[in-house]
PDB file of N, CA and C in Angstrom:
ATOM      1  N   UNK A   1      17.427   7.693   1.898  1.00  0.00           N
ATOM      2  CA  UNK A   1      17.717   8.504   3.061  1.00  0.00           C
ATOM      3  C   UNK A   1      17.802   7.625   4.321  1.00  0.00           C
ATOM      4  N   UNK A   2      16.927   6.644   4.433  1.00  0.00           N
ATOM      5  CA  UNK A   2      16.961   5.804   5.638  1.00  0.00           C
ATOM      6  C   UNK A   2      18.247   4.989   5.726  1.00  0.00           C
ATOM      7  N   UNK A   3      18.790   4.591   4.592  1.00  0.00           N
ATOM      8  CA  UNK A   3      20.041   3.832   4.602  1.00  0.00           C
ATOM      9  C   UNK A   3      21.158   4.638   5.245  1.00  0.00           C
ATOM     10  N   UNK A   4      21.146   5.951   5.084  1.00  0.00           N
ATOM     11  CA  UNK A   4      22.173   6.812   5.699  1.00  0.00           C
ATOM     12  C   UNK A   4      22.136   6.750   7.215  1.00  0.00           C
ATOM     13  N   UNK A   5      20.999   6.327   7.758  1.00  0.00           N
ATOM     14  CA  UNK A   5      20.848   6.246   9.213  1.00  0.00           C
ATOM     15  C   UNK A   5      20.958   4.807   9.713  1.00  0.00           C
ATOM     16  N   UNK A   6      21.482   3.933   8.861  1.00  0.00           N
ATOM     17  CA  UNK A   6      21.732   2.555   9.276  1.00  0.00           C
ATOM     18  C   UNK A   6      20.512   1.649   9.255  1.00  0.00           C
ATOM     19  N   UNK A   7      19.456   2.050   8.580  1.00  0.00           N
ATOM     20  CA  UNK A   7      18.247   1.243   8.507  1.00  0.00           C
ATOM     21  C   UNK A   7      18.306   0.375   7.255  1.00  0.00           C
ATOM     22  N   UNK A   8      18.001  -0.892   7.420  1.00  0.00           N
ATOM     23  CA  UNK A   8      18.009  -1.804   6.276  1.00  0.00           C
ATOM     24  C   UNK A   8      16.802  -1.530   5.395  1.00  0.00           C
ATOM     25  N   UNK A   9      17.043  -1.365   4.106  1.00  0.00           N
ATOM     26  CA  UNK A   9      15.992  -1.031   3.144  1.00  0.00           C
ATOM     27  C   UNK A   9      15.827  -2.186   2.176  1.00  0.00           C
ATOM     28  N   UNK A  10      14.583  -2.581   1.937  1.00  0.00           N
ATOM     29  CA  UNK A  10      14.281  -3.637   0.971  1.00  0.00           C
ATOM     30  C   UNK A  10      13.452  -3.043  -0.159  1.00  0.00           C
ATOM     31  N   UNK A  11      13.876  -3.310  -1.383  1.00  0.00           N
ATOM     32  CA  UNK A  11      13.144  -2.846  -2.570  1.00  0.00           C
ATOM     33  C   UNK A  11      12.270  -3.992  -3.053  1.00  0.00           C
ATOM     34  N   UNK A  12      10.974  -3.771  -3.136  1.00  0.00           N
ATOM     35  CA  UNK A  12      10.027  -4.817  -3.531  1.00  0.00           C
ATOM     36  C   UNK A  12      10.390  -5.398  -4.905  1.00  0.00           C
ATOM     37  N   UNK A  13      11.023  -4.603  -5.754  1.00  0.00           N
ATOM     38  CA  UNK A  13      11.400  -5.076  -7.089  1.00  0.00           C
ATOM     39  C   UNK A  13      12.562  -6.074  -7.050  1.00  0.00           C
ATOM     40  N   UNK A  14      13.267  -6.121  -5.943  1.00  0.00           N
ATOM     41  CA  UNK A  14      14.432  -7.002  -5.829  1.00  0.00           C
ATOM     42  C   UNK A  14      14.127  -8.314  -5.110  1.00  0.00           C
ATOM     43  N   UNK A  15      12.897  -8.495  -4.666  1.00  0.00           N
ATOM     44  CA  UNK A  15      12.536  -9.684  -3.907  1.00  0.00           C
ATOM     45  C   UNK A  15      11.280 -10.311  -4.500  1.00  0.00           C
ATOM     46  N   UNK A  16      11.390 -11.574  -4.841  1.00  0.00           N
ATOM     47  CA  UNK A  16      10.251 -12.272  -5.440  1.00  0.00           C
ATOM     48  C   UNK A  16       9.086 -12.389  -4.454  1.00  0.00           C
ATOM     49  N   UNK A  17       9.413 -12.631  -3.182  1.00  0.00           N
ATOM     50  CA  UNK A  17       8.386 -12.783  -2.148  1.00  0.00           C
ATOM     51  C   UNK A  17       8.801 -11.936  -0.945  1.00  0.00           C
ATOM     52  N   UNK A  18       8.423 -10.664  -0.961  1.00  0.00           N
ATOM     53  CA  UNK A  18       8.840  -9.739   0.088  1.00  0.00           C
ATOM     54  C   UNK A  18       8.396 -10.162   1.489  1.00  0.00           C
ATOM     55  N   UNK A  19       7.156 -10.595   1.670  1.00  0.00           N
ATOM     56  CA  UNK A  19       6.764 -11.034   3.023  1.00  0.00           C
ATOM     57  C   UNK A  19       7.653 -12.167   3.551  1.00  0.00           C
ATOM     58  N   UNK A  20       7.982 -13.125   2.707  1.00  0.00           N
ATOM     59  CA  UNK A  20       8.849 -14.230   3.134  1.00  0.00           C
ATOM     60  C   UNK A  20      10.249 -13.722   3.473  1.00  0.00           C
ATOM     61  N   UNK A  21      10.776 -12.809   2.680  1.00  0.00           N
ATOM     62  CA  UNK A  21      12.095 -12.225   2.946  1.00  0.00           C
ATOM     63  C   UNK A  21      12.106 -11.531   4.299  1.00  0.00           C
ATOM     64  N   UNK A  22      11.068 -10.776   4.588  1.00  0.00           N
ATOM     65  CA  UNK A  22      10.991 -10.060   5.868  1.00  0.00           C
ATOM     66  C   UNK A  22      10.855 -11.039   7.027  1.00  0.00           C
ATOM     67  N   UNK A  23      10.074 -12.101   6.843  1.00  0.00           N
ATOM     68  CA  UNK A  23       9.952 -13.108   7.913  1.00  0.00           C
ATOM     69  C   UNK A  23      11.308 -13.756   8.199  1.00  0.00           C
ATOM     70  N   UNK A  24      12.084 -14.018   7.140  1.00  0.00           N
ATOM     71  CA  UNK A  24      13.416 -14.603   7.338  1.00  0.00           C
ATOM     72  C   UNK A  24      14.319 -13.644   8.125  1.00  0.00           C
ATOM     73  N   UNK A  25      14.229 -12.363   7.838  1.00  0.00           N
ATOM     74  CA  UNK A  25      15.056 -11.367   8.528  1.00  0.00           C
ATOM     75  C   UNK A  25      14.648 -11.169   9.987  1.00  0.00           C
ATOM     76  N   UNK A  26      13.414 -11.517  10.320  1.00  0.00           N
ATOM     77  CA  UNK A  26      12.899 -11.287  11.683  1.00  0.00           C
ATOM     78  C   UNK A  26      12.614 -12.601  12.417  1.00  0.00           C
ATOM     79  N   UNK A  27      13.280 -13.664  12.006  1.00  0.00           N
ATOM     80  CA  UNK A  27      13.096 -14.986  12.638  1.00  0.00           C
ATOM     81  C   UNK A  27      11.630 -15.412  12.669  1.00  0.00           C
ATOM     82  N   UNK A  28      10.906 -15.125  11.581  1.00  0.00           N
ATOM     83  CA  UNK A  28       9.523 -15.560  11.452  1.00  0.00           C
ATOM     84  C   UNK A  28       8.498 -14.654  12.095  1.00  0.00           C
ATOM     85  N   UNK A  29       8.939 -13.645  12.789  1.00  0.00           N
ATOM     86  CA  UNK A  29       8.015 -12.795  13.545  1.00  0.00           C
ATOM     87  C   UNK A  29       7.367 -11.704  12.705  1.00  0.00           C
ATOM     88  N   UNK A  30       8.132 -10.997  11.886  1.00  0.00           N
ATOM     89  CA  UNK A  30       7.638  -9.825  11.162  1.00  0.00           C
ATOM     90  C   UNK A  30       7.932  -8.563  11.950  1.00  0.00           C
ATOM     91  N   UNK A  31       7.862  -7.415  11.316  1.00  0.00           N
ATOM     92  CA  UNK A  31       8.152  -6.159  12.014  1.00  0.00           C
ATOM     93  C   UNK A  31       7.041  -5.779  12.998  1.00  0.00           C
ATOM     94  N   UNK A  32       7.414  -5.018  14.025  1.00  0.00           N
ATOM     95  CA  UNK A  32       6.440  -4.555  15.010  1.00  0.00           C
ATOM     96  C   UNK A  32       5.457  -3.568  14.395  1.00  0.00           C
ATOM     97  N   UNK A  33       5.932  -2.790  13.430  1.00  0.00           N
ATOM     98  CA  UNK A  33       5.041  -1.831  12.786  1.00  0.00           C
ATOM     99  C   UNK A  33       5.432  -1.656  11.327  1.00  0.00           C
ATOM    100  N   UNK A  34       4.428  -1.309  10.517  1.00  0.00           N
ATOM    101  CA  UNK A  34       4.610  -1.059   9.088  1.00  0.00           C
ATOM    102  C   UNK A  34       3.867   0.226   8.771  1.00  0.00           C
ATOM    103  N   UNK A  35       4.514   1.096   7.987  1.00  0.00           N
ATOM    104  CA  UNK A  35       3.884   2.358   7.596  1.00  0.00           C
ATOM    105  C   UNK A  35       3.681   2.350   6.087  1.00  0.00           C
ATOM    106  N   UNK A  36       2.439   2.519   5.670  1.00  0.00           N
ATOM    107  CA  UNK A  36       2.086   2.659   4.264  1.00  0.00           C
ATOM    108  C   UNK A  36       2.056   4.156   3.992  1.00  0.00           C
ATOM    109  N   UNK A  37       3.133   4.673   3.398  1.00  0.00           N
ATOM    110  CA  UNK A  37       3.237   6.113   3.173  1.00  0.00           C
ATOM    111  C   UNK A  37       3.639   6.419   1.738  1.00  0.00           C
ATOM    112  N   UNK A  38       3.107   5.671   0.798  1.00  0.00           N
ATOM    113  CA  UNK A  38       3.506   5.879  -0.593  1.00  0.00           C
ATOM    114  C   UNK A  38       2.769   7.030  -1.260  1.00  0.00           C
ATOM    115  N   UNK A  39       1.693   7.510  -0.675  1.00  0.00           N
ATOM    116  CA  UNK A  39       0.940   8.597  -1.280  1.00  0.00           C
ATOM    117  C   UNK A  39      -0.013   8.107  -2.349  1.00  0.00           C
ATOM    118  N   UNK A  40       0.473   7.248  -3.204  1.00  0.00           N
ATOM    119  CA  UNK A  40      -0.347   6.610  -4.215  1.00  0.00           C
ATOM    120  C   UNK A  40       0.390   5.352  -4.637  1.00  0.00           C
ATOM    121  N   UNK A  41      -0.304   4.420  -5.166  1.00  0.00           N
ATOM    122  CA  UNK A  41       0.291   3.140  -5.548  1.00  0.00           C
ATOM    123  C   UNK A  41       1.503   3.369  -6.444  1.00  0.00           C
ATOM    124  N   UNK A  42       2.625   2.785  -6.094  1.00  0.00           N
ATOM    125  CA  UNK A  42       3.865   3.019  -6.819  1.00  0.00           C
ATOM    126  C   UNK A  42       3.889   2.345  -8.182  1.00  0.00           C
ATOM    127  N   UNK A  43       3.236   1.221  -8.319  1.00  0.00           N
ATOM    128  CA  UNK A  43       3.315   0.492  -9.585  1.00  0.00           C
ATOM    129  C   UNK A  43       1.976  -0.149  -9.941  1.00  0.00           C
ATOM    130  N   UNK A  44       0.925   0.633  -9.772  1.00  0.00           N
ATOM    131  CA  UNK A  44      -0.406   0.122 -10.083  1.00  0.00           C
ATOM    132  C   UNK A  44      -0.755   0.332 -11.542  1.00  0.00           C
ATOM    133  N   UNK A  45      -1.953   0.014 -11.875  1.00  0.00           N
ATOM    134  CA  UNK A  45      -2.450   0.137 -13.237  1.00  0.00           C
ATOM    135  C   UNK A  45      -2.622   1.602 -13.625  1.00  0.00           C
ATOM    136  N   UNK A  46      -2.051   2.033 -14.752  1.00  0.00           N
ATOM    137  CA  UNK A  46      -2.253   3.410 -15.191  1.00  0.00           C
ATOM    138  C   UNK A  46      -3.728   3.717 -15.474  1.00  0.00           C
ATOM    139  N   UNK A  47      -4.452   2.731 -15.964  1.00  0.00           N
ATOM    140  CA  UNK A  47      -5.876   2.927 -16.236  1.00  0.00           C
ATOM    141  C   UNK A  47      -6.625   3.163 -14.929  1.00  0.00           C
ATOM    142  N   UNK A  48      -6.294   2.393 -13.887  1.00  0.00           N
ATOM    143  CA  UNK A  48      -6.918   2.575 -12.586  1.00  0.00           C
ATOM    144  C   UNK A  48      -6.612   3.939 -12.002  1.00  0.00           C
ATOM    145  N   UNK A  49      -5.379   4.395 -12.183  1.00  0.00           N
ATOM    146  CA  UNK A  49      -4.987   5.710 -11.670  1.00  0.00           C
ATOM    147  C   UNK A  49      -5.800   6.814 -12.338  1.00  0.00           C
ATOM    148  N   UNK A  50      -5.927   6.752 -13.648  1.00  0.00           N
ATOM    149  CA  UNK A  50      -6.691   7.759 -14.382  1.00  0.00           C
ATOM    150  C   UNK A  50      -8.160   7.716 -13.965  1.00  0.00           C
ATOM    151  N   UNK A  51      -8.693   6.517 -13.814  1.00  0.00           N
ATOM    152  CA  UNK A  51     -10.099   6.384 -13.406  1.00  0.00           C
ATOM    153  C   UNK A  51     -10.319   7.021 -12.045  1.00  0.00           C
ATOM    154  N   UNK A  52      -9.372   6.840 -11.132  1.00  0.00           N
ATOM    155  CA  UNK A  52      -9.517   7.436  -9.802  1.00  0.00           C
ATOM    156  C   UNK A  52      -9.450   8.958  -9.873  1.00  0.00           C
ATOM    157  N   UNK A  53      -8.542   9.466 -10.693  1.00  0.00           N
ATOM    158  CA  UNK A  53      -8.438  10.919 -10.818  1.00  0.00           C
ATOM    159  C   UNK A  53      -9.717  11.516 -11.389  1.00  0.00           C
ATOM    160  N   UNK A  54     -10.309  10.821 -12.327  1.00  0.00           N
ATOM    161  CA  UNK A  54     -11.532  11.326 -12.958  1.00  0.00           C
ATOM    162  C   UNK A  54     -12.724  11.343 -12.006  1.00  0.00           C
ATOM    163  N   UNK A  55     -12.721  10.454 -11.023  1.00  0.00           N
ATOM    164  CA  UNK A  55     -13.878  10.403 -10.115  1.00  0.00           C
ATOM    165  C   UNK A  55     -14.052  11.687  -9.329  1.00  0.00           C
ATOM    166  N   UNK A  56     -12.982  12.438  -9.139  1.00  0.00           N
ATOM    167  CA  UNK A  56     -13.080  13.708  -8.424  1.00  0.00           C
ATOM    168  C   UNK A  56     -13.943  14.727  -9.140  1.00  0.00           C
ATOM    169  N   UNK A  57     -14.119  14.549 -10.437  1.00  0.00           N
ATOM    170  CA  UNK A  57     -14.905  15.493 -11.231  1.00  0.00           C
ATOM    171  C   UNK A  57     -16.334  15.024 -11.475  1.00  0.00           C
ATOM    172  N   UNK A  58     -16.652  13.840 -10.992  1.00  0.00           N
ATOM    173  CA  UNK A  58     -17.963  13.252 -11.278  1.00  0.00           C
ATOM    174  C   UNK A  58     -18.917  13.381 -10.095  1.00  0.00           C
ATOM    175  N   UNK A  59     -20.214  13.366 -10.360  1.00  0.00           N
ATOM    176  CA  UNK A  59     -21.195  13.330  -9.259  1.00  0.00           C
ATOM    177  C   UNK A  59     -21.049  12.016  -8.482  1.00  0.00           C
ATOM    178  N   UNK A  60     -21.391  12.049  -7.209  1.00  0.00           N
ATOM    179  CA  UNK A  60     -21.248  10.869  -6.347  1.00  0.00           C
ATOM    180  C   UNK A  60     -21.955   9.636  -6.906  1.00  0.00           C
ATOM    181  N   UNK A  61     -23.118   9.833  -7.511  1.00  0.00           N
ATOM    182  CA  UNK A  61     -23.879   8.682  -8.014  1.00  0.00           C
ATOM    183  C   UNK A  61     -23.136   7.936  -9.114  1.00  0.00           C
ATOM    184  N   UNK A  62     -22.259   8.603  -9.824  1.00  0.00           N
ATOM    185  CA  UNK A  62     -21.456   7.960 -10.869  1.00  0.00           C
ATOM    186  C   UNK A  62     -20.093   7.541 -10.314  1.00  0.00           C
ATOM    187  N   UNK A  63     -19.501   8.395  -9.473  1.00  0.00           N
ATOM    188  CA  UNK A  63     -18.151   8.148  -8.958  1.00  0.00           C
ATOM    189  C   UNK A  63     -18.090   6.932  -8.045  1.00  0.00           C
ATOM    190  N   UNK A  64     -19.091   6.716  -7.207  1.00  0.00           N
ATOM    191  CA  UNK A  64     -19.050   5.612  -6.249  1.00  0.00           C
ATOM    192  C   UNK A  64     -18.926   4.244  -6.928  1.00  0.00           C
ATOM    193  N   UNK A  65     -19.775   3.906  -7.908  1.00  0.00           N
ATOM    194  CA  UNK A  65     -19.599   2.612  -8.565  1.00  0.00           C
ATOM    195  C   UNK A  65     -18.275   2.519  -9.331  1.00  0.00           C
ATOM    196  N   UNK A  66     -17.826   3.639  -9.878  1.00  0.00           N
ATOM    197  CA  UNK A  66     -16.560   3.640 -10.607  1.00  0.00           C
ATOM    198  C   UNK A  66     -15.389   3.336  -9.672  1.00  0.00           C
ATOM    199  N   UNK A  67     -15.397   3.933  -8.475  1.00  0.00           N
ATOM    200  CA  UNK A  67     -14.315   3.696  -7.504  1.00  0.00           C
ATOM    201  C   UNK A  67     -14.328   2.268  -6.973  1.00  0.00           C
ATOM    202  N   UNK A  68     -15.488   1.660  -6.910  1.00  0.00           N
ATOM    203  CA  UNK A  68     -15.545   0.273  -6.460  1.00  0.00           C
ATOM    204  C   UNK A  68     -14.792  -0.630  -7.423  1.00  0.00           C
ATOM    205  N   UNK A  69     -14.739  -0.270  -8.672  1.00  0.00           N
ATOM    206  CA  UNK A  69     -13.990  -1.047  -9.672  1.00  0.00           C
ATOM    207  C   UNK A  69     -12.528  -0.627  -9.707  1.00  0.00           C
ATOM    208  N   UNK A  70     -12.261   0.670  -9.837  1.00  0.00           N
ATOM    209  CA  UNK A  70     -10.893   1.175 -10.028  1.00  0.00           C
ATOM    210  C   UNK A  70     -10.107   1.231  -8.730  1.00  0.00           C
ATOM    211  N   UNK A  71     -10.772   1.410  -7.593  1.00  0.00           N
ATOM    212  CA  UNK A  71     -10.074   1.578  -6.328  1.00  0.00           C
ATOM    213  C   UNK A  71      -9.388   0.332  -5.819  1.00  0.00           C
ATOM    214  N   UNK A  72      -9.799  -0.832  -6.258  1.00  0.00           N
ATOM    215  CA  UNK A  72      -9.226  -2.086  -5.770  1.00  0.00           C
ATOM    216  C   UNK A  72      -7.745  -2.184  -6.103  1.00  0.00           C
ATOM    217  N   UNK A  73      -7.355  -1.724  -7.283  1.00  0.00           N
ATOM    218  CA  UNK A  73      -5.963  -1.803  -7.713  1.00  0.00           C
ATOM    219  C   UNK A  73      -5.046  -1.008  -6.794  1.00  0.00           C
ATOM    220  N   UNK A  74      -5.554   0.025  -6.166  1.00  0.00           N
ATOM    221  CA  UNK A  74      -4.740   0.930  -5.376  1.00  0.00           C
ATOM    222  C   UNK A  74      -4.442   0.398  -3.980  1.00  0.00           C
ATOM    223  N   UNK A  75      -4.939  -0.753  -3.622  1.00  0.00           N
ATOM    224  CA  UNK A  75      -4.771  -1.267  -2.271  1.00  0.00           C
ATOM    225  C   UNK A  75      -3.615  -2.252  -2.127  1.00  0.00           C
ATOM    226  N   UNK A  76      -2.827  -2.472  -3.172  1.00  0.00           N
ATOM    227  CA  UNK A  76      -1.766  -3.472  -3.128  1.00  0.00           C
ATOM    228  C   UNK A  76      -0.782  -3.229  -1.982  1.00  0.00           C
ATOM    229  N   UNK A  77      -0.327  -1.997  -1.811  1.00  0.00           N
ATOM    230  CA  UNK A  77       0.651  -1.692  -0.767  1.00  0.00           C
ATOM    231  C   UNK A  77       0.038  -1.884   0.621  1.00  0.00           C
ATOM    232  N   UNK A  78      -1.209  -1.484   0.801  1.00  0.00           N
ATOM    233  CA  UNK A  78      -1.872  -1.673   2.094  1.00  0.00           C
ATOM    234  C   UNK A  78      -1.995  -3.156   2.425  1.00  0.00           C
ATOM    235  N   UNK A  79      -2.414  -3.961   1.473  1.00  0.00           N
ATOM    236  CA  UNK A  79      -2.525  -5.407   1.711  1.00  0.00           C
ATOM    237  C   UNK A  79      -1.169  -6.011   2.033  1.00  0.00           C
ATOM    238  N   UNK A  80      -0.123  -5.563   1.357  1.00  0.00           N
ATOM    239  CA  UNK A  80       1.229  -6.048   1.627  1.00  0.00           C
ATOM    240  C   UNK A  80       1.653  -5.667   3.042  1.00  0.00           C
ATOM    241  N   UNK A  81       1.363  -4.444   3.469  1.00  0.00           N
ATOM    242  CA  UNK A  81       1.715  -4.000   4.822  1.00  0.00           C
ATOM    243  C   UNK A  81       1.022  -4.854   5.877  1.00  0.00           C
ATOM    244  N   UNK A  82      -0.246  -5.164   5.659  1.00  0.00           N
ATOM    245  CA  UNK A  82      -0.993  -5.994   6.606  1.00  0.00           C
ATOM    246  C   UNK A  82      -0.419  -7.405   6.659  1.00  0.00           C
ATOM    247  N   UNK A  83      -0.022  -7.937   5.518  1.00  0.00           N
ATOM    248  CA  UNK A  83       0.551  -9.289   5.473  1.00  0.00           C
ATOM    249  C   UNK A  83       1.912  -9.354   6.167  1.00  0.00           C
ATOM    250  N   UNK A  84       2.685  -8.293   6.075  1.00  0.00           N
ATOM    251  CA  UNK A  84       4.054  -8.291   6.595  1.00  0.00           C
ATOM    252  C   UNK A  84       4.114  -8.100   8.109  1.00  0.00           C
ATOM    253  N   UNK A  85       3.267  -7.246   8.667  1.00  0.00           N
ATOM    254  CA  UNK A  85       3.372  -6.887  10.082  1.00  0.00           C
ATOM    255  C   UNK A  85       3.152  -8.110  10.981  1.00  0.00           C
ATOM    256  N   UNK A  86       3.836  -8.136  12.115  1.00  0.00           N
ATOM    257  CA  UNK A  86       3.690  -9.265  13.042  1.00  0.00           C
ATOM    258  C   UNK A  86       2.284  -9.300  13.618  1.00  0.00           C
ATOM    259  N   UNK A  87       1.899 -10.444  14.112  1.00  0.00           N
ATOM    260  CA  UNK A  87       0.587 -10.573  14.765  1.00  0.00           C
ATOM    261  C   UNK A  87       0.546  -9.631  15.968  1.00  0.00           C
ATOM    262  N   UNK A  88      -0.492  -8.813  16.021  1.00  0.00           N
ATOM    263  CA  UNK A  88      -0.613  -7.837  17.101  1.00  0.00           C
ATOM    264  C   UNK A  88       0.176  -6.564  16.845  1.00  0.00           C
ATOM    265  N   UNK A  89       0.833  -6.473  15.687  1.00  0.00           N
ATOM    266  CA  UNK A  89       1.620  -5.292  15.351  1.00  0.00           C
ATOM    267  C   UNK A  89       0.739  -4.152  14.862  1.00  0.00           C
ATOM    268  N   UNK A  90       1.374  -3.079  14.437  1.00  0.00           N
ATOM    269  CA  UNK A  90       0.671  -1.877  14.025  1.00  0.00           C
ATOM    270  C   UNK A  90       0.922  -1.583  12.561  1.00  0.00           C
ATOM    271  N   UNK A  91      -0.141  -1.372  11.807  1.00  0.00           N
ATOM    272  CA  UNK A  91      -0.037  -0.918  10.424  1.00  0.00           C
ATOM    273  C   UNK A  91      -0.629   0.479  10.364  1.00  0.00           C
ATOM    274  N   UNK A  92       0.168   1.434   9.899  1.00  0.00           N
ATOM    275  CA  UNK A  92      -0.263   2.819   9.816  1.00  0.00           C
ATOM    276  C   UNK A  92      -0.396   3.224   8.359  1.00  0.00           C
ATOM    277  N   UNK A  93      -1.499   3.860   8.031  1.00  0.00           N
ATOM    278  CA  UNK A  93      -1.727   4.348   6.674  1.00  0.00           C
ATOM    279  C   UNK A  93      -1.551   5.851   6.693  1.00  0.00           C
ATOM    280  N   UNK A  94      -0.576   6.337   5.935  1.00  0.00           N
ATOM    281  CA  UNK A  94      -0.305   7.762   5.872  1.00  0.00           C
ATOM    282  C   UNK A  94      -0.394   8.209   4.420  1.00  0.00           C
ATOM    283  N   UNK A  95      -1.626   8.266   3.929  1.00  0.00           N
ATOM    284  CA  UNK A  95      -1.864   8.753   2.571  1.00  0.00           C
ATOM    285  C   UNK A  95      -3.294   9.244   2.496  1.00  0.00           C
ATOM    286  N   UNK A  96      -3.544  10.140   1.577  1.00  0.00           N
ATOM    287  CA  UNK A  96      -4.920  10.619   1.463  1.00  0.00           C
ATOM    288  C   UNK A  96      -5.838   9.506   0.968  1.00  0.00           C
ATOM    289  N   UNK A  97      -6.909   9.301   1.678  1.00  0.00           N
ATOM    290  CA  UNK A  97      -7.884   8.299   1.273  1.00  0.00           C
ATOM    291  C   UNK A  97      -9.204   9.028   1.063  1.00  0.00           C
ATOM    292  N   UNK A  98      -9.732   8.903  -0.112  1.00  0.00           N
ATOM    293  CA  UNK A  98     -11.000   9.550  -0.417  1.00  0.00           C
ATOM    294  C   UNK A  98     -12.123   8.567  -0.121  1.00  0.00           C
ATOM    295  N   UNK A  99     -12.973   8.945   0.785  1.00  0.00           N
ATOM    296  CA  UNK A  99     -14.093   8.091   1.153  1.00  0.00           C
ATOM    297  C   UNK A  99     -15.395   8.741   0.741  1.00  0.00           C
ATOM    298  N   UNK A 100     -16.138   8.038  -0.049  1.00  0.00           N
ATOM    299  CA  UNK A 100     -17.461   8.528  -0.449  1.00  0.00           C
ATOM    300  C   UNK A 100     -18.479   7.740   0.362  1.00  0.00           C
ATOM    301  N   UNK A 101     -18.632   8.130   1.623  1.00  0.00           N
ATOM    302  CA  UNK A 101     -19.502   7.396   2.546  1.00  0.00           C
ATOM    303  C   UNK A 101     -20.896   7.992   2.563  1.00  0.00           C
TER     304      UNK A 101
END
């Protein structure tokens, strides 16, 4: 949909090093802002996904240690967004995040 509005779209599957590709396109600067709006990891571990879904049915005392193991896999897109954005830029997370604080 964004391509219809003249926005350049990059598919992570088509670029070996997406952060480097973006730096080349922006003369080394990076984008002013990055939005993480995937809803859930697009290509994460299926086992991690199932483990996260199951934690919703478990008591906190069991779910918290489980999420510390399974939740790490789900942060790939967020880490990529932070790496890509320019220094001093804005990274926005627009997805449900379950916090067991």
